[in-house]
Amino acid sequence: MGAARELHRSVGTNVSERILLLEDDRELGRQIADHLRKAGFEVDWWTEGRPIAPDEAARYSLLVLDLMLPGTYGLDVLKALRGEPGENSDLPVLVLSARNDTSDKVRALKLGADDYMTKPFWPEELVERVRARLRRPTMQRRDGGISVGALHLDPGARAATLAGAPVELTPVEFELLAALARRPGEAVSRQWLVEHVLSPERDGTERTLDVHVSRLRKKLGRDGLIETVWGIGYRLNPGAAA
């Protein structure tokens, strides 16, 4: 195989999820893959960036993405991934980067990343963030449908429609909207949303929440649907969902 298609596969015991790792640093990539394998995941590791085809994305539960990749830059990989409809656009993405500027993190989140970790990091924290990200869809599938006016959410399929039209959301965006839709008309505190939707992100959590809300509002395309409650947090306005 060419370098961009190079594949390193590690299979651990009790494998329940399959993770795609894009990391060009071979020593760090081996460490990450080894820690994830020991935690019970199957890991496919690419050492160069390239677009991820829809049928490839459908094989994975999560993408761990470095930004400074040879070949296709990490943010371009993310942009292409989120630009595809269907299951491909729903693949959760955890960004790993040595770039710790707030602007880099905000840009990645705006493009559709679900989490962002800066290097260096503790491998144990990475494993826990991966586990937390993968637990959320399982918990959501236990719930019934949620309807607020013309807005309908199907937690089992993680699908959202507004006035009958589908709204393509990332997993974090869906979870955020569902958290607000379960309490229509009520102010939900920023602290609660950070702890229950964005956790275990640690640095810049309130700014991260603002980015997700801004992106969610843009996708919904309906003014006043998600309101800012100054000094508290956000609420879903049932009147705007009619």
Protein backbone atom coordinates (compact mmCIF):
# COMPACT_ATOMS: atom_id res chain seq x y z
CA MET A 1 0.00 0.00 0.00
CA GLY A 2 1.07 3.62 -0.47
CA ALA A 3 1.88 5.64 2.60
CA ALA A 4 -1.47 7.46 2.59
CA ARG A 5 -3.27 4.12 2.63
CA GLU A 6 -0.94 2.53 5.17
CA LEU A 7 -2.97 0.53 7.66
CA HIS A 8 -1.95 -0.73 11.08
CA ARG A 9 -4.61 -2.88 12.72
CA SER A 10 -4.66 -3.75 16.41
CA VAL A 11 -7.33 -6.03 17.78
CA GLY A 12 -7.88 -6.37 21.52
CA THR A 13 -10.08 -8.65 23.53
CA ASN A 14 -13.79 -7.93 23.96
CA VAL A 15 -13.77 -5.55 21.01
CA SER A 16 -16.99 -3.55 20.93
CA GLU A 17 -16.12 -0.54 18.80
CA ARG A 18 -13.86 0.22 15.84
CA ILE A 19 -11.83 3.43 15.79
CA LEU A 20 -10.00 5.12 12.93
CA LEU A 21 -6.79 6.93 13.95
CA LEU A 22 -5.09 9.47 11.66
CA GLU A 23 -1.68 10.28 13.15
CA ASP A 24 1.60 10.71 11.26
CA ASP A 25 3.91 10.51 14.29
CA ARG A 26 4.71 6.81 14.33
CA GLU A 27 5.80 6.59 17.96
CA LEU A 28 2.79 8.53 19.22
CA GLY A 29 0.49 6.62 16.87
CA ARG A 30 1.74 3.31 18.26
CA GLN A 31 1.16 4.53 21.81
CA ILE A 32 -2.36 5.72 21.06
CA ALA A 33 -3.28 2.55 19.20
CA ASP A 34 -1.83 0.41 22.00
CA HIS A 35 -3.76 2.23 24.73
CA LEU A 36 -7.01 2.02 22.76
CA ARG A 37 -6.39 -1.67 22.04
CA LYS A 38 -5.79 -2.38 25.72
CA ALA A 39 -9.08 -0.62 26.46
CA GLY A 40 -10.86 -3.12 24.21
CA PHE A 41 -11.15 -1.24 20.91
CA GLU A 42 -10.19 -2.24 17.40
CA VAL A 43 -7.97 0.40 15.82
CA ASP A 44 -7.19 1.15 12.17
CA TRP A 45 -4.28 3.59 11.88
CA TRP A 46 -3.44 5.76 8.87
CA THR A 47 -0.19 7.75 8.81
CA GLU A 48 -1.27 10.31 6.20
CA GLY A 49 -4.39 12.37 5.69
CA ARG A 50 -6.82 11.74 2.86
CA PRO A 51 -10.58 12.08 2.34
CA ILE A 52 -12.61 9.35 4.01
CA ALA A 53 -15.14 7.73 1.67
CA PRO A 54 -18.70 7.21 2.96
CA ASP A 55 -18.39 3.42 2.91
CA GLU A 56 -15.17 3.67 4.92
CA ALA A 57 -16.66 6.04 7.49
CA ALA A 58 -19.62 3.69 7.98
CA ARG A 59 -17.24 1.02 9.32
CA TYR A 60 -16.13 3.13 12.26
CA SER A 61 -17.61 4.33 15.54
CA LEU A 62 -15.21 7.24 16.01
CA LEU A 63 -12.38 9.12 14.26
CA VAL A 64 -9.31 10.30 16.20
CA LEU A 65 -7.81 13.00 13.96
CA ASP A 66 -4.46 14.78 14.07
CA LEU A 67 -4.42 18.14 12.28
CA MET A 68 -0.81 18.45 11.08
CA LEU A 69 -0.91 15.54 8.66
CA PRO A 70 1.06 14.98 5.48
CA GLY A 71 -1.14 14.60 2.43
CA THR A 72 -4.53 16.12 3.26
CA TYR A 73 -4.51 18.56 6.19
CA GLY A 74 -6.60 17.39 9.13
CA LEU A 75 -9.15 20.21 8.97
CA ASP A 76 -9.65 19.47 5.28
CA VAL A 77 -10.29 15.81 6.14
CA LEU A 78 -12.87 16.98 8.68
CA LYS A 79 -14.47 19.45 6.27
CA ALA A 80 -14.84 16.80 3.57
CA LEU A 81 -16.24 14.32 6.09
CA ARG A 82 -18.88 16.70 7.36
CA GLY A 83 -19.73 17.74 3.82
CA GLU A 84 -21.02 14.31 2.92
CA PRO A 85 -24.66 13.46 3.67
CA GLY A 86 -25.92 10.47 5.60
CA GLU A 87 -23.94 8.30 7.96
CA ASN A 88 -20.61 9.71 6.89
CA SER A 89 -21.45 13.13 8.29
CA ASP A 90 -22.48 11.61 11.65
CA LEU A 91 -19.13 9.94 12.45
CA PRO A 92 -17.96 11.39 15.80
CA VAL A 93 -14.58 13.13 15.53
CA LEU A 94 -12.06 13.72 18.33
CA VAL A 95 -9.27 16.07 17.22
CA LEU A 96 -5.74 15.69 18.60
CA SER A 97 -3.39 18.57 17.92
CA ALA A 98 -0.25 20.28 19.13
CA ARG A 99 -1.95 23.54 18.15
CA ASN A 100 -3.53 25.00 21.29
CA ASP A 101 -4.70 28.38 20.03
CA THR A 102 -8.35 29.04 20.78
CA SER A 103 -8.89 29.98 17.13
CA ASP A 104 -7.76 26.51 15.99
CA LYS A 105 -10.10 24.81 18.43
CA VAL A 106 -13.03 27.02 17.46
CA ARG A 107 -12.39 26.41 13.76
CA ALA A 108 -12.32 22.64 14.28
CA LEU A 109 -15.55 22.75 16.26
CA LYS A 110 -17.24 24.92 13.65
CA LEU A 111 -16.28 22.39 10.99
CA GLY A 112 -17.98 19.64 13.01
CA ALA A 113 -15.47 18.19 15.49
CA ASP A 114 -17.08 16.76 18.62
CA ASP A 115 -14.09 17.10 20.94
CA TYR A 116 -10.60 18.64 20.88
CA MET A 117 -7.52 17.60 22.85
CA THR A 118 -4.14 19.33 22.79
CA LYS A 119 -0.78 17.55 22.83
CA PRO A 120 0.84 16.48 25.06
CA PHE A 121 -1.95 14.60 26.82
CA TRP A 122 -2.43 11.71 29.18
CA PRO A 123 -3.32 8.51 27.26
CA GLU A 124 -5.75 7.58 30.01
CA GLU A 125 -7.66 10.82 29.44
CA LEU A 126 -7.86 10.09 25.71
CA VAL A 127 -9.30 6.64 26.42
CA GLU A 128 -11.88 8.09 28.81
CA ARG A 129 -12.93 10.76 26.31
CA VAL A 130 -13.33 8.08 23.64
CA ARG A 131 -15.43 5.97 26.00
CA ALA A 132 -17.56 8.95 26.99
CA ARG A 133 -18.16 9.93 23.38
CA LEU A 134 -19.17 6.38 22.43
CA ARG A 135 -21.47 5.94 25.43
CA ARG A 136 -23.75 8.83 24.50
CA PRO A 137 -25.49 7.30 21.46
CA THR A 138 -26.16 4.11 23.48
CA MET A 139 -27.86 6.10 26.23
CA GLN A 140 -29.89 8.09 23.72
CA ARG A 141 -31.24 4.98 22.05
CA ARG A 142 -33.19 4.12 25.22
CA ASP A 143 -35.32 7.23 24.88
CA GLY A 144 -38.53 7.72 22.95
CA GLY A 145 -39.09 10.34 20.30
CA ILE A 146 -39.15 14.02 21.26
CA SER A 147 -41.50 16.48 19.57
CA VAL A 148 -41.77 20.22 20.15
CA GLY A 149 -44.06 21.81 17.59
CA ALA A 150 -42.64 21.11 14.14
CA LEU A 151 -39.36 19.88 15.61
CA HIS A 152 -39.03 16.10 15.98
CA LEU A 153 -36.07 14.15 17.31
CA ASP A 154 -35.60 10.40 17.06
CA PRO A 155 -32.90 9.51 19.63
CA GLY A 156 -32.70 5.92 18.40
CA ALA A 157 -31.68 6.98 14.91
CA ARG A 158 -30.15 10.28 16.09
CA ALA A 159 -32.27 11.93 13.40
CA ALA A 160 -33.85 15.39 13.51
CA THR A 161 -36.53 16.96 11.34
CA LEU A 162 -37.97 20.47 11.39
CA ALA A 163 -41.28 21.02 9.59
CA GLY A 164 -40.73 17.64 7.95
CA ALA A 165 -37.31 18.52 6.53
CA PRO A 166 -34.28 16.57 7.79
CA VAL A 167 -31.61 18.50 9.67
CA GLU A 168 -28.11 17.00 9.45
CA LEU A 169 -26.52 17.19 12.91
CA THR A 170 -23.32 15.90 14.45
CA PRO A 171 -23.72 13.69 17.54
CA VAL A 172 -22.90 16.57 19.92
CA GLU A 173 -25.31 18.91 18.13
CA PHE A 174 -28.05 16.30 18.38
CA GLU A 175 -27.40 15.73 22.08
CA LEU A 176 -27.43 19.46 22.75
CA LEU A 177 -30.71 19.95 20.89
CA ALA A 178 -32.25 16.94 22.63
CA ALA A 179 -31.23 18.28 26.04
CA LEU A 180 -33.04 21.55 25.31
CA ALA A 181 -36.04 19.87 23.65
CA ARG A 182 -36.67 17.69 26.70
CA ARG A 183 -37.27 20.89 28.70
CA PRO A 184 -39.01 23.23 26.23
CA GLY A 185 -39.45 26.76 27.50
CA GLU A 186 -37.09 26.17 30.44
CA ALA A 187 -33.68 27.79 30.83
CA VAL A 188 -30.95 25.14 30.91
CA SER A 189 -27.77 26.33 32.59
CA ARG A 190 -24.50 26.51 30.74
CA GLN A 191 -22.87 24.53 33.55
CA TRP A 192 -25.41 21.71 33.19
CA LEU A 193 -24.95 21.57 29.41
CA VAL A 194 -21.17 21.56 29.73
CA GLU A 195 -21.23 18.77 32.31
CA HIS A 196 -23.88 16.57 30.67
CA VAL A 197 -23.35 17.20 26.95
CA LEU A 198 -19.77 18.38 26.47
CA SER A 199 -18.09 16.54 29.36
CA PRO A 200 -15.28 15.46 29.62
CA GLU A 201 -13.88 18.48 27.77
CA ARG A 202 -11.97 20.59 30.28
CA ASP A 203 -10.39 23.68 28.77
CA GLY A 204 -12.53 26.39 27.17
CA THR A 205 -15.75 24.53 27.88
CA GLU A 206 -18.08 27.53 27.85
CA ARG A 207 -16.56 28.80 24.62
CA THR A 208 -16.96 25.31 23.19
CA LEU A 209 -20.63 25.32 24.16
CA ASP A 210 -21.14 28.68 22.45
CA VAL A 211 -19.60 27.36 19.23
CA HIS A 212 -21.88 24.30 19.20
CA VAL A 213 -24.96 26.45 19.85
CA SER A 214 -24.00 28.88 17.10
CA ARG A 215 -23.53 26.06 14.61
CA LEU A 216 -26.79 24.41 15.70
CA ARG A 217 -28.74 27.64 15.24
CA LYS A 218 -27.34 28.02 11.73
CA LYS A 219 -28.34 24.49 10.77
CA LEU A 220 -31.86 24.86 12.17
CA GLY A 221 -32.26 28.14 10.27
CA ARG A 222 -35.12 29.43 12.41
CA ASP A 223 -34.64 32.66 14.36
CA GLY A 224 -35.54 32.54 18.03
CA LEU A 225 -35.74 28.75 18.26
CA ILE A 226 -32.77 28.52 20.63
CA GLU A 227 -32.72 31.55 22.89
CA THR A 228 -29.90 32.85 25.07
CA VAL A 229 -30.94 33.37 28.68
CA TRP A 230 -28.40 35.90 29.85
CA GLY A 231 -26.53 34.88 32.98
CA ILE A 232 -28.01 31.37 32.90
CA GLY A 233 -27.73 29.48 29.63
CA TYR A 234 -30.06 28.53 26.77
CA ARG A 235 -33.65 27.45 26.19
CA LEU A 236 -35.73 26.05 23.36
CA ASN A 237 -38.62 28.40 22.50
CA PRO A 238 -41.73 26.25 21.78
CA GLY A 239 -43.41 29.18 20.00
CA ALA A 240 -40.61 29.38 17.45
CA ALA A 241 -40.89 25.62 16.85
CA ALA A 242 -44.55 25.81 15.85
